[in-house]
Amino acid sequence: MSEEVRALAKNSQISPQKARLMADAIRGLTVQRALAVLALSPKKSARLFEKVLKSAIANAEQNHGLDVDNLVVSAARVDEGMTLKRYRPKGMGRMRKRFHRHSHLHVSVVERG
């Protein structure tokens, strides 16, 4: 089996729960099919994963000399990044915590066959 080529984006401004929907959608697809799925999706995480996937494809082609037509998304995962804690005033003099969650997006591609 050929080597796995990775790309990652750290601290993307999207919650991990929302980003995992797109990671599940592209995992195991060929790169052409995965790019088509991401291009047709209206979600913000699709734009972010599209950039990471294109970076992984470029890494495979430039650094490892792999054929782009035979690449498959072997792994797509989302890890939790930093969380910014913010506060909003609420009724009766109280405060409410709001969490601005961030994600680390990982994409790995491998050459099929």
PDB file of N, CA and C in Angstrom:
ATOM      1  N   MET A   1       0.848  -1.187   0.000  1.00  0.00           N
ATOM      2  CA  MET A   1       0.000   0.000   0.000  1.00  0.00           C
ATOM      3  C   MET A   1       0.886   1.240   0.000  1.00  0.00           C
ATOM      4  N   SER A   2       0.454   2.249  -0.745  1.00  0.00           N
ATOM      5  CA  SER A   2       1.257   3.459  -0.825  1.00  0.00           C
ATOM      6  C   SER A   2       1.100   4.294   0.437  1.00  0.00           C
ATOM      7  N   GLU A   3       1.909   5.315   0.515  1.00  0.00           N
ATOM      8  CA  GLU A   3       1.917   6.113   1.726  1.00  0.00           C
ATOM      9  C   GLU A   3       0.726   7.069   1.806  1.00  0.00           C
ATOM     10  N   GLU A   4       0.400   7.440   3.021  1.00  0.00           N
ATOM     11  CA  GLU A   4      -0.717   8.326   3.289  1.00  0.00           C
ATOM     12  C   GLU A   4      -0.209   9.764   3.322  1.00  0.00           C
ATOM     13  N   VAL A   5      -0.880  10.650   2.610  1.00  0.00           N
ATOM     14  CA  VAL A   5      -0.503  12.057   2.546  1.00  0.00           C
ATOM     15  C   VAL A   5      -1.569  12.849   3.286  1.00  0.00           C
ATOM     16  N   ARG A   6      -1.131  13.748   4.183  1.00  0.00           N
ATOM     17  CA  ARG A   6      -2.074  14.456   5.043  1.00  0.00           C
ATOM     18  C   ARG A   6      -2.006  15.961   4.828  1.00  0.00           C
ATOM     19  N   ALA A   7      -3.105  16.605   5.224  1.00  0.00           N
ATOM     20  CA  ALA A   7      -3.160  18.066   5.292  1.00  0.00           C
ATOM     21  C   ALA A   7      -4.078  18.409   6.448  1.00  0.00           C
ATOM     22  N   LEU A   8      -3.821  19.536   7.113  1.00  0.00           N
ATOM     23  CA  LEU A   8      -4.677  19.912   8.220  1.00  0.00           C
ATOM     24  C   LEU A   8      -4.806  21.420   8.314  1.00  0.00           C
ATOM     25  N   ALA A   9      -5.952  21.842   8.816  1.00  0.00           N
ATOM     26  CA  ALA A   9      -6.221  23.259   9.073  1.00  0.00           C
ATOM     27  C   ALA A   9      -6.522  23.391  10.553  1.00  0.00           C
ATOM     28  N   LYS A  10      -5.763  24.229  11.230  1.00  0.00           N
ATOM     29  CA  LYS A  10      -5.943  24.380  12.672  1.00  0.00           C
ATOM     30  C   LYS A  10      -6.790  25.599  12.984  1.00  0.00           C
ATOM     31  N   ASN A  11      -7.578  25.468  14.054  1.00  0.00           N
ATOM     32  CA  ASN A  11      -8.389  26.550  14.603  1.00  0.00           C
ATOM     33  C   ASN A  11      -9.318  27.194  13.579  1.00  0.00           C
ATOM     34  N   SER A  12     -10.001  26.357  12.816  1.00  0.00           N
ATOM     35  CA  SER A  12     -11.038  26.860  11.915  1.00  0.00           C
ATOM     36  C   SER A  12     -12.238  27.284  12.743  1.00  0.00           C
ATOM     37  N   GLN A  13     -12.865  28.381  12.359  1.00  0.00           N
ATOM     38  CA  GLN A  13     -13.943  28.941  13.164  1.00  0.00           C
ATOM     39  C   GLN A  13     -15.272  28.262  12.869  1.00  0.00           C
ATOM     40  N   ILE A  14     -15.367  27.012  13.297  1.00  0.00           N
ATOM     41  CA  ILE A  14     -16.607  26.250  13.193  1.00  0.00           C
ATOM     42  C   ILE A  14     -16.588  25.218  14.305  1.00  0.00           C
ATOM     43  N   SER A  15     -17.744  24.920  14.851  1.00  0.00           N
ATOM     44  CA  SER A  15     -17.780  23.956  15.948  1.00  0.00           C
ATOM     45  C   SER A  15     -17.514  22.551  15.403  1.00  0.00           C
ATOM     46  N   PRO A  16     -16.872  21.699  16.182  1.00  0.00           N
ATOM     47  CA  PRO A  16     -16.572  20.340  15.712  1.00  0.00           C
ATOM     48  C   PRO A  16     -17.821  19.549  15.340  1.00  0.00           C
ATOM     49  N   GLN A  17     -18.906  19.759  16.046  1.00  0.00           N
ATOM     50  CA  GLN A  17     -20.133  19.015  15.769  1.00  0.00           C
ATOM     51  C   GLN A  17     -20.649  19.312  14.355  1.00  0.00           C
ATOM     52  N   LYS A  18     -20.572  20.566  13.945  1.00  0.00           N
ATOM     53  CA  LYS A  18     -21.020  20.929  12.608  1.00  0.00           C
ATOM     54  C   LYS A  18     -20.046  20.444  11.538  1.00  0.00           C
ATOM     55  N   ALA A  19     -18.752  20.493  11.834  1.00  0.00           N
ATOM     56  CA  ALA A  19     -17.748  20.098  10.850  1.00  0.00           C
ATOM     57  C   ALA A  19     -17.728  18.589  10.624  1.00  0.00           C
ATOM     58  N   ARG A  20     -18.086  17.808  11.623  1.00  0.00           N
ATOM     59  CA  ARG A  20     -18.057  16.345  11.484  1.00  0.00           C
ATOM     60  C   ARG A  20     -19.076  15.834  10.468  1.00  0.00           C
ATOM     61  N   LEU A  21     -20.115  16.598  10.194  1.00  0.00           N
ATOM     62  CA  LEU A  21     -21.094  16.195   9.184  1.00  0.00           C
ATOM     63  C   LEU A  21     -20.436  16.072   7.811  1.00  0.00           C
ATOM     64  N   MET A  22     -19.573  17.019   7.470  1.00  0.00           N
ATOM     65  CA  MET A  22     -18.888  16.966   6.181  1.00  0.00           C
ATOM     66  C   MET A  22     -17.773  15.926   6.183  1.00  0.00           C
ATOM     67  N   ALA A  23     -17.112  15.736   7.312  1.00  0.00           N
ATOM     68  CA  ALA A  23     -16.055  14.723   7.381  1.00  0.00           C
ATOM     69  C   ALA A  23     -16.640  13.336   7.109  1.00  0.00           C
ATOM     70  N   ASP A  24     -17.819  13.072   7.663  1.00  0.00           N
ATOM     71  CA  ASP A  24     -18.472  11.782   7.433  1.00  0.00           C
ATOM     72  C   ASP A  24     -18.920  11.637   5.981  1.00  0.00           C
ATOM     73  N   ALA A  25     -19.262  12.749   5.338  1.00  0.00           N
ATOM     74  CA  ALA A  25     -19.766  12.702   3.966  1.00  0.00           C
ATOM     75  C   ALA A  25     -18.668  12.376   2.953  1.00  0.00           C
ATOM     76  N   ILE A  26     -17.418  12.788   3.198  1.00  0.00           N
ATOM     77  CA  ILE A  26     -16.363  12.590   2.194  1.00  0.00           C
ATOM     78  C   ILE A  26     -15.445  11.417   2.492  1.00  0.00           C
ATOM     79  N   ARG A  27     -15.514  10.870   3.665  1.00  0.00           N
ATOM     80  CA  ARG A  27     -14.610   9.781   4.038  1.00  0.00           C
ATOM     81  C   ARG A  27     -14.837   8.562   3.142  1.00  0.00           C
ATOM     82  N   GLY A  28     -13.760   8.058   2.520  1.00  0.00           N
ATOM     83  CA  GLY A  28     -13.842   6.863   1.684  1.00  0.00           C
ATOM     84  C   GLY A  28     -14.132   7.133   0.221  1.00  0.00           C
ATOM     85  N   LEU A  29     -14.401   8.369  -0.174  1.00  0.00           N
ATOM     86  CA  LEU A  29     -14.694   8.694  -1.564  1.00  0.00           C
ATOM     87  C   LEU A  29     -13.411   8.971  -2.343  1.00  0.00           C
ATOM     88  N   THR A  30     -13.497   8.881  -3.667  1.00  0.00           N
ATOM     89  CA  THR A  30     -12.379   9.328  -4.489  1.00  0.00           C
ATOM     90  C   THR A  30     -12.310  10.856  -4.376  1.00  0.00           C
ATOM     91  N   VAL A  31     -11.153  11.425  -4.693  1.00  0.00           N
ATOM     92  CA  VAL A  31     -11.008  12.868  -4.489  1.00  0.00           C
ATOM     93  C   VAL A  31     -11.898  13.663  -5.439  1.00  0.00           C
ATOM     94  N   GLN A  32     -12.112  13.161  -6.675  1.00  0.00           N
ATOM     95  CA  GLN A  32     -12.990  13.872  -7.596  1.00  0.00           C
ATOM     96  C   GLN A  32     -14.424  13.882  -7.067  1.00  0.00           C
ATOM     97  N   ARG A  33     -14.873  12.750  -6.553  1.00  0.00           N
ATOM     98  CA  ARG A  33     -16.235  12.650  -6.013  1.00  0.00           C
ATOM     99  C   ARG A  33     -16.369  13.494  -4.745  1.00  0.00           C
ATOM    100  N   ALA A  34     -15.335  13.472  -3.895  1.00  0.00           N
ATOM    101  CA  ALA A  34     -15.372  14.256  -2.657  1.00  0.00           C
ATOM    102  C   ALA A  34     -15.426  15.756  -2.962  1.00  0.00           C
ATOM    103  N   LEU A  35     -14.662  16.212  -3.952  1.00  0.00           N
ATOM    104  CA  LEU A  35     -14.703  17.622  -4.332  1.00  0.00           C
ATOM    105  C   LEU A  35     -16.070  18.005  -4.892  1.00  0.00           C
ATOM    106  N   ALA A  36     -16.712  17.085  -5.622  1.00  0.00           N
ATOM    107  CA  ALA A  36     -18.050  17.352  -6.149  1.00  0.00           C
ATOM    108  C   ALA A  36     -19.072  17.458  -5.019  1.00  0.00           C
ATOM    109  N   VAL A  37     -18.968  16.574  -4.035  1.00  0.00           N
ATOM    110  CA  VAL A  37     -19.884  16.611  -2.882  1.00  0.00           C
ATOM    111  C   VAL A  37     -19.706  17.917  -2.116  1.00  0.00           C
ATOM    112  N   LEU A  38     -18.461  18.324  -1.907  1.00  0.00           N
ATOM    113  CA  LEU A  38     -18.192  19.554  -1.170  1.00  0.00           C
ATOM    114  C   LEU A  38     -18.638  20.791  -1.947  1.00  0.00           C
ATOM    115  N   ALA A  39     -18.494  20.766  -3.266  1.00  0.00           N
ATOM    116  CA  ALA A  39     -18.880  21.925  -4.072  1.00  0.00           C
ATOM    117  C   ALA A  39     -20.395  22.126  -4.069  1.00  0.00           C
ATOM    118  N   LEU A  40     -21.151  21.045  -3.961  1.00  0.00           N
ATOM    119  CA  LEU A  40     -22.611  21.143  -4.004  1.00  0.00           C
ATOM    120  C   LEU A  40     -23.244  21.361  -2.631  1.00  0.00           C
ATOM    121  N   SER A  41     -22.468  21.256  -1.580  1.00  0.00           N
ATOM    122  CA  SER A  41     -23.022  21.414  -0.241  1.00  0.00           C
ATOM    123  C   SER A  41     -23.075  22.892   0.144  1.00  0.00           C
ATOM    124  N   PRO A  42     -24.180  23.344   0.772  1.00  0.00           N
ATOM    125  CA  PRO A  42     -24.272  24.749   1.173  1.00  0.00           C
ATOM    126  C   PRO A  42     -23.628  25.061   2.521  1.00  0.00           C
ATOM    127  N   LYS A  43     -23.067  24.073   3.183  1.00  0.00           N
ATOM    128  CA  LYS A  43     -22.557  24.261   4.538  1.00  0.00           C
ATOM    129  C   LYS A  43     -21.204  24.965   4.552  1.00  0.00           C
ATOM    130  N   LYS A  44     -20.941  25.695   5.622  1.00  0.00           N
ATOM    131  CA  LYS A  44     -19.669  26.394   5.789  1.00  0.00           C
ATOM    132  C   LYS A  44     -18.521  25.389   5.892  1.00  0.00           C
ATOM    133  N   SER A  45     -18.766  24.259   6.558  1.00  0.00           N
ATOM    134  CA  SER A  45     -17.709  23.267   6.720  1.00  0.00           C
ATOM    135  C   SER A  45     -17.284  22.675   5.382  1.00  0.00           C
ATOM    136  N   ALA A  46     -18.157  22.694   4.381  1.00  0.00           N
ATOM    137  CA  ALA A  46     -17.793  22.196   3.056  1.00  0.00           C
ATOM    138  C   ALA A  46     -16.709  23.063   2.440  1.00  0.00           C
ATOM    139  N   ARG A  47     -16.819  24.389   2.591  1.00  0.00           N
ATOM    140  CA  ARG A  47     -15.784  25.289   2.055  1.00  0.00           C
ATOM    141  C   ARG A  47     -14.449  25.036   2.749  1.00  0.00           C
ATOM    142  N   LEU A  48     -14.486  24.835   4.072  1.00  0.00           N
ATOM    143  CA  LEU A  48     -13.253  24.624   4.823  1.00  0.00           C
ATOM    144  C   LEU A  48     -12.606  23.291   4.443  1.00  0.00           C
ATOM    145  N   PHE A  49     -13.418  22.224   4.334  1.00  0.00           N
ATOM    146  CA  PHE A  49     -12.868  20.914   3.958  1.00  0.00           C
ATOM    147  C   PHE A  49     -12.380  20.908   2.515  1.00  0.00           C
ATOM    148  N   GLU A  50     -12.999  21.706   1.651  1.00  0.00           N
ATOM    149  CA  GLU A  50     -12.564  21.775   0.264  1.00  0.00           C
ATOM    150  C   GLU A  50     -11.131  22.309   0.183  1.00  0.00           C
ATOM    151  N   LYS A  51     -10.837  23.336   0.965  1.00  0.00           N
ATOM    152  CA  LYS A  51      -9.487  23.896   0.980  1.00  0.00           C
ATOM    153  C   LYS A  51      -8.463  22.888   1.510  1.00  0.00           C
ATOM    154  N   VAL A  52      -8.833  22.158   2.565  1.00  0.00           N
ATOM    155  CA  VAL A  52      -7.904  21.183   3.145  1.00  0.00           C
ATOM    156  C   VAL A  52      -7.690  20.017   2.191  1.00  0.00           C
ATOM    157  N   LEU A  53      -8.763  19.565   1.536  1.00  0.00           N
ATOM    158  CA  LEU A  53      -8.644  18.454   0.587  1.00  0.00           C
ATOM    159  C   LEU A  53      -7.783  18.853  -0.605  1.00  0.00           C
ATOM    160  N   LYS A  54      -7.961  20.059  -1.122  1.00  0.00           N
ATOM    161  CA  LYS A  54      -7.126  20.513  -2.230  1.00  0.00           C
ATOM    162  C   LYS A  54      -5.664  20.606  -1.819  1.00  0.00           C
ATOM    163  N   SER A  55      -5.415  20.981  -0.573  1.00  0.00           N
ATOM    164  CA  SER A  55      -4.048  21.026  -0.067  1.00  0.00           C
ATOM    165  C   SER A  55      -3.439  19.628   0.012  1.00  0.00           C
ATOM    166  N   ALA A  56      -4.231  18.657   0.463  1.00  0.00           N
ATOM    167  CA  ALA A  56      -3.748  17.268   0.541  1.00  0.00           C
ATOM    168  C   ALA A  56      -3.458  16.715  -0.857  1.00  0.00           C
ATOM    169  N   ILE A  57      -4.296  17.062  -1.820  1.00  0.00           N
ATOM    170  CA  ILE A  57      -4.074  16.623  -3.202  1.00  0.00           C
ATOM    171  C   ILE A  57      -2.788  17.229  -3.742  1.00  0.00           C
ATOM    172  N   ALA A  58      -2.572  18.519  -3.486  1.00  0.00           N
ATOM    173  CA  ALA A  58      -1.346  19.179  -3.947  1.00  0.00           C
ATOM    174  C   ALA A  58      -0.118  18.579  -3.270  1.00  0.00           C
ATOM    175  N   ASN A  59      -0.226  18.264  -1.977  1.00  0.00           N
ATOM    176  CA  ASN A  59       0.892  17.621  -1.273  1.00  0.00           C
ATOM    177  C   ASN A  59       1.220  16.271  -1.900  1.00  0.00           C
ATOM    178  N   ALA A  60       0.197  15.503  -2.229  1.00  0.00           N
ATOM    179  CA  ALA A  60       0.413  14.177  -2.819  1.00  0.00           C
ATOM    180  C   ALA A  60       1.081  14.287  -4.183  1.00  0.00           C
ATOM    181  N   GLU A  61       0.649  15.265  -4.957  1.00  0.00           N
ATOM    182  CA  GLU A  61       1.188  15.413  -6.303  1.00  0.00           C
ATOM    183  C   GLU A  61       2.603  15.987  -6.290  1.00  0.00           C
ATOM    184  N   GLN A  62       2.819  17.060  -5.538  1.00  0.00           N
ATOM    185  CA  GLN A  62       4.103  17.756  -5.561  1.00  0.00           C
ATOM    186  C   GLN A  62       5.187  17.041  -4.746  1.00  0.00           C
ATOM    187  N   ASN A  63       4.839  16.640  -3.529  1.00  0.00           N
ATOM    188  CA  ASN A  63       5.864  16.115  -2.620  1.00  0.00           C
ATOM    189  C   ASN A  63       6.094  14.617  -2.766  1.00  0.00           C
ATOM    190  N   HIS A  64       5.070  13.874  -3.203  1.00  0.00           N
ATOM    191  CA  HIS A  64       5.198  12.416  -3.240  1.00  0.00           C
ATOM    192  C   HIS A  64       5.037  11.833  -4.632  1.00  0.00           C
ATOM    193  N   GLY A  65       4.712  12.652  -5.623  1.00  0.00           N
ATOM    194  CA  GLY A  65       4.613  12.187  -7.007  1.00  0.00           C
ATOM    195  C   GLY A  65       3.493  11.198  -7.249  1.00  0.00           C
ATOM    196  N   LEU A  66       2.389  11.295  -6.523  1.00  0.00           N
ATOM    197  CA  LEU A  66       1.273  10.369  -6.688  1.00  0.00           C
ATOM    198  C   LEU A  66       0.345  10.843  -7.811  1.00  0.00           C
ATOM    199  N   ASP A  67      -0.352   9.890  -8.416  1.00  0.00           N
ATOM    200  CA  ASP A  67      -1.303  10.209  -9.485  1.00  0.00           C
ATOM    201  C   ASP A  67      -2.605  10.703  -8.877  1.00  0.00           C
ATOM    202  N   VAL A  68      -3.037  11.893  -9.257  1.00  0.00           N
ATOM    203  CA  VAL A  68      -4.224  12.521  -8.670  1.00  0.00           C
ATOM    204  C   VAL A  68      -5.484  11.735  -8.993  1.00  0.00           C
ATOM    205  N   ASP A  69      -5.532  11.096 -10.154  1.00  0.00           N
ATOM    206  CA  ASP A  69      -6.741  10.372 -10.564  1.00  0.00           C
ATOM    207  C   ASP A  69      -6.985   9.119  -9.737  1.00  0.00           C
ATOM    208  N   ASN A  70      -5.962   8.616  -9.043  1.00  0.00           N
ATOM    209  CA  ASN A  70      -6.104   7.390  -8.248  1.00  0.00           C
ATOM    210  C   ASN A  70      -6.177   7.645  -6.751  1.00  0.00           C
ATOM    211  N   LEU A  71      -6.356   8.895  -6.341  1.00  0.00           N
ATOM    212  CA  LEU A  71      -6.367   9.204  -4.908  1.00  0.00           C
ATOM    213  C   LEU A  71      -7.752   8.987  -4.306  1.00  0.00           C
ATOM    214  N   VAL A  72      -7.740   8.501  -3.064  1.00  0.00           N
ATOM    215  CA  VAL A  72      -8.964   8.252  -2.298  1.00  0.00           C
ATOM    216  C   VAL A  72      -8.800   8.923  -0.938  1.00  0.00           C
ATOM    217  N   VAL A  73      -9.884   9.510  -0.426  1.00  0.00           N
ATOM    218  CA  VAL A  73      -9.867  10.102   0.913  1.00  0.00           C
ATOM    219  C   VAL A  73      -9.895   8.956   1.920  1.00  0.00           C
ATOM    220  N   SER A  74      -8.755   8.670   2.527  1.00  0.00           N
ATOM    221  CA  SER A  74      -8.677   7.535   3.451  1.00  0.00           C
ATOM    222  C   SER A  74      -9.166   7.909   4.844  1.00  0.00           C
ATOM    223  N   ALA A  75      -8.972   9.167   5.241  1.00  0.00           N
ATOM    224  CA  ALA A  75      -9.410   9.596   6.578  1.00  0.00           C
ATOM    225  C   ALA A  75      -9.771  11.070   6.522  1.00  0.00           C
ATOM    226  N   ALA A  76     -10.846  11.398   7.211  1.00  0.00           N
ATOM    227  CA  ALA A  76     -11.250  12.799   7.391  1.00  0.00           C
ATOM    228  C   ALA A  76     -11.778  12.892   8.807  1.00  0.00           C
ATOM    229  N   ARG A  77     -11.108  13.679   9.619  1.00  0.00           N
ATOM    230  CA  ARG A  77     -11.554  13.763  11.011  1.00  0.00           C
ATOM    231  C   ARG A  77     -11.480  15.197  11.506  1.00  0.00           C
ATOM    232  N   VAL A  78     -12.208  15.433  12.592  1.00  0.00           N
ATOM    233  CA  VAL A  78     -12.288  16.764  13.181  1.00  0.00           C
ATOM    234  C   VAL A  78     -11.952  16.647  14.655  1.00  0.00           C
ATOM    235  N   ASP A  79     -10.983  17.428  15.097  1.00  0.00           N
ATOM    236  CA  ASP A  79     -10.636  17.493  16.511  1.00  0.00           C
ATOM    237  C   ASP A  79     -11.038  18.857  17.053  1.00  0.00           C
ATOM    238  N   GLU A  80     -11.251  18.902  18.345  1.00  0.00           N
ATOM    239  CA  GLU A  80     -11.650  20.152  18.978  1.00  0.00           C
ATOM    240  C   GLU A  80     -10.441  21.068  19.124  1.00  0.00           C
ATOM    241  N   GLY A  81     -10.621  22.318  18.739  1.00  0.00           N
ATOM    242  CA  GLY A  81      -9.574  23.315  18.876  1.00  0.00           C
ATOM    243  C   GLY A  81      -9.810  24.156  20.119  1.00  0.00           C
ATOM    244  N   MET A  82      -9.354  25.393  20.072  1.00  0.00           N
ATOM    245  CA  MET A  82      -9.519  26.264  21.227  1.00  0.00           C
ATOM    246  C   MET A  82     -10.981  26.699  21.363  1.00  0.00           C
ATOM    247  N   THR A  83     -11.359  27.066  22.557  1.00  0.00           N
ATOM    248  CA  THR A  83     -12.708  27.564  22.827  1.00  0.00           C
ATOM    249  C   THR A  83     -12.597  28.934  23.459  1.00  0.00           C
ATOM    250  N   LEU A  84     -13.182  29.934  22.818  1.00  0.00           N
ATOM    251  CA  LEU A  84     -13.216  31.274  23.377  1.00  0.00           C
ATOM    252  C   LEU A  84     -14.447  31.396  24.259  1.00  0.00           C
ATOM    253  N   LYS A  85     -14.274  31.872  25.466  1.00  0.00           N
ATOM    254  CA  LYS A  85     -15.392  32.010  26.395  1.00  0.00           C
ATOM    255  C   LYS A  85     -15.814  33.474  26.432  1.00  0.00           C
ATOM    256  N   ARG A  86     -17.061  33.704  26.126  1.00  0.00           N
ATOM    257  CA  ARG A  86     -17.614  35.043  26.098  1.00  0.00           C
ATOM    258  C   ARG A  86     -18.846  35.087  26.993  1.00  0.00           C
ATOM    259  N   TYR A  87     -19.250  36.282  27.402  1.00  0.00           N
ATOM    260  CA  TYR A  87     -20.391  36.430  28.304  1.00  0.00           C
ATOM    261  C   TYR A  87     -21.379  37.429  27.723  1.00  0.00           C
ATOM    262  N   ARG A  88     -22.675  37.162  27.935  1.00  0.00           N
ATOM    263  CA  ARG A  88     -23.755  38.046  27.514  1.00  0.00           C
ATOM    264  C   ARG A  88     -24.610  38.387  28.727  1.00  0.00           C
ATOM    265  N   PRO A  89     -25.044  39.628  28.857  1.00  0.00           N
ATOM    266  CA  PRO A  89     -25.938  39.951  29.971  1.00  0.00           C
ATOM    267  C   PRO A  89     -27.314  39.318  29.776  1.00  0.00           C
ATOM    268  N   LYS A  90     -27.873  38.808  30.849  1.00  0.00           N
ATOM    269  CA  LYS A  90     -29.211  38.217  30.827  1.00  0.00           C
ATOM    270  C   LYS A  90     -30.063  38.934  31.875  1.00  0.00           C
ATOM    271  N   GLY A  91     -31.241  38.436  32.076  1.00  0.00           N
ATOM    272  CA  GLY A  91     -32.167  39.108  32.976  1.00  0.00           C
ATOM    273  C   GLY A  91     -31.746  39.054  34.431  1.00  0.00           C
ATOM    274  N   MET A  92     -32.237  39.997  35.209  1.00  0.00           N
ATOM    275  CA  MET A  92     -32.037  40.059  36.659  1.00  0.00           C
ATOM    276  C   MET A  92     -30.562  40.152  37.043  1.00  0.00           C
ATOM    277  N   GLY A  93     -29.746  40.846  36.232  1.00  0.00           N
ATOM    278  CA  GLY A  93     -28.356  41.090  36.565  1.00  0.00           C
ATOM    279  C   GLY A  93     -27.430  39.900  36.405  1.00  0.00           C
ATOM    280  N   ARG A  94     -27.866  38.858  35.746  1.00  0.00           N
ATOM    281  CA  ARG A  94     -27.040  37.657  35.578  1.00  0.00           C
ATOM    282  C   ARG A  94     -26.275  37.698  34.256  1.00  0.00           C
ATOM    283  N   MET A  95     -25.332  36.776  34.133  1.00  0.00           N
ATOM    284  CA  MET A  95     -24.546  36.658  32.907  1.00  0.00           C
ATOM    285  C   MET A  95     -24.701  35.242  32.371  1.00  0.00           C
ATOM    286  N   ARG A  96     -24.628  35.111  31.052  1.00  0.00           N
ATOM    287  CA  ARG A  96     -24.720  33.809  30.407  1.00  0.00           C
ATOM    288  C   ARG A  96     -23.430  33.561  29.637  1.00  0.00           C
ATOM    289  N   LYS A  97     -22.821  32.379  29.829  1.00  0.00           N
ATOM    290  CA  LYS A  97     -21.614  32.026  29.082  1.00  0.00           C
ATOM    291  C   LYS A  97     -21.984  31.645  27.656  1.00  0.00           C
ATOM    292  N   ARG A  98     -21.147  32.079  26.721  1.00  0.00           N
ATOM    293  CA  ARG A  98     -21.274  31.650  25.330  1.00  0.00           C
ATOM    294  C   ARG A  98     -19.920  31.126  24.901  1.00  0.00           C
ATOM    295  N   PHE A  99     -19.905  29.994  24.237  1.00  0.00           N
ATOM    296  CA  PHE A  99     -18.665  29.363  23.812  1.00  0.00           C
ATOM    297  C   PHE A  99     -18.510  29.493  22.299  1.00  0.00           C
ATOM    298  N   HIS A 100     -17.385  30.038  21.867  1.00  0.00           N
ATOM    299  CA  HIS A 100     -17.058  30.115  20.454  1.00  0.00           C
ATOM    300  C   HIS A 100     -16.051  28.998  20.179  1.00  0.00           C
ATOM    301  N   ARG A 101     -16.555  27.908  19.667  1.00  0.00           N
ATOM    302  CA  ARG A 101     -15.725  26.714  19.481  1.00  0.00           C
ATOM    303  C   ARG A 101     -14.986  26.749  18.147  1.00  0.00           C
ATOM    304  N   HIS A 102     -13.800  26.150  18.139  1.00  0.00           N
ATOM    305  CA  HIS A 102     -12.971  26.055  16.948  1.00  0.00           C
ATOM    306  C   HIS A 102     -12.616  24.591  16.716  1.00  0.00           C
ATOM    307  N   SER A 103     -12.160  24.290  15.483  1.00  0.00           N
ATOM    308  CA  SER A 103     -11.893  22.908  15.098  1.00  0.00           C
ATOM    309  C   SER A 103     -10.557  22.786  14.379  1.00  0.00           C
ATOM    310  N   HIS A 104      -9.956  21.603  14.491  1.00  0.00           N
ATOM    311  CA  HIS A 104      -8.811  21.217  13.683  1.00  0.00           C
ATOM    312  C   HIS A 104      -9.327  20.207  12.651  1.00  0.00           C
ATOM    313  N   LEU A 105      -9.159  20.503  11.374  1.00  0.00           N
ATOM    314  CA  LEU A 105      -9.654  19.642  10.305  1.00  0.00           C
ATOM    315  C   LEU A 105      -8.491  18.848   9.719  1.00  0.00           C
ATOM    316  N   HIS A 106      -8.613  17.520   9.703  1.00  0.00           N
ATOM    317  CA  HIS A 106      -7.576  16.631   9.177  1.00  0.00           C
ATOM    318  C   HIS A 106      -8.132  15.871   7.970  1.00  0.00           C
ATOM    319  N   VAL A 107      -7.360  15.827   6.878  1.00  0.00           N
ATOM    320  CA  VAL A 107      -7.730  15.031   5.706  1.00  0.00           C
ATOM    321  C   VAL A 107      -6.508  14.250   5.275  1.00  0.00           C
ATOM    322  N   SER A 108      -6.695  12.945   5.031  1.00  0.00           N
ATOM    323  CA  SER A 108      -5.619  12.082   4.531  1.00  0.00           C
ATOM    324  C   SER A 108      -6.073  11.441   3.232  1.00  0.00           C
ATOM    325  N   VAL A 109      -5.165  11.427   2.266  1.00  0.00           N
ATOM    326  CA  VAL A 109      -5.457  10.754   0.993  1.00  0.00           C
ATOM    327  C   VAL A 109      -4.406   9.682   0.763  1.00  0.00           C
ATOM    328  N   VAL A 110      -4.818   8.629   0.064  1.00  0.00           N
ATOM    329  CA  VAL A 110      -3.920   7.518  -0.238  1.00  0.00           C
ATOM    330  C   VAL A 110      -4.186   7.093  -1.670  1.00  0.00           C
ATOM    331  N   GLU A 111      -3.145   6.605  -2.339  1.00  0.00           N
ATOM    332  CA  GLU A 111      -3.300   6.173  -3.732  1.00  0.00           C
ATOM    333  C   GLU A 111      -3.921   4.786  -3.779  1.00  0.00           C
ATOM    334  N   ARG A 112      -4.953   4.670  -4.587  1.00  0.00           N
ATOM    335  CA  ARG A 112      -5.664   3.384  -4.710  1.00  0.00           C
ATOM    336  C   ARG A 112      -4.874   2.470  -5.632  1.00  0.00           C
ATOM    337  N   GLY A 113      -4.872   1.173  -5.293  1.00  0.00           N
ATOM    338  CA  GLY A 113      -4.244   0.182  -6.151  1.00  0.00           C
ATOM    339  C   GLY A 113      -2.806   0.205  -6.064  1.00  0.00           C
TER     340      GLY A 113
END
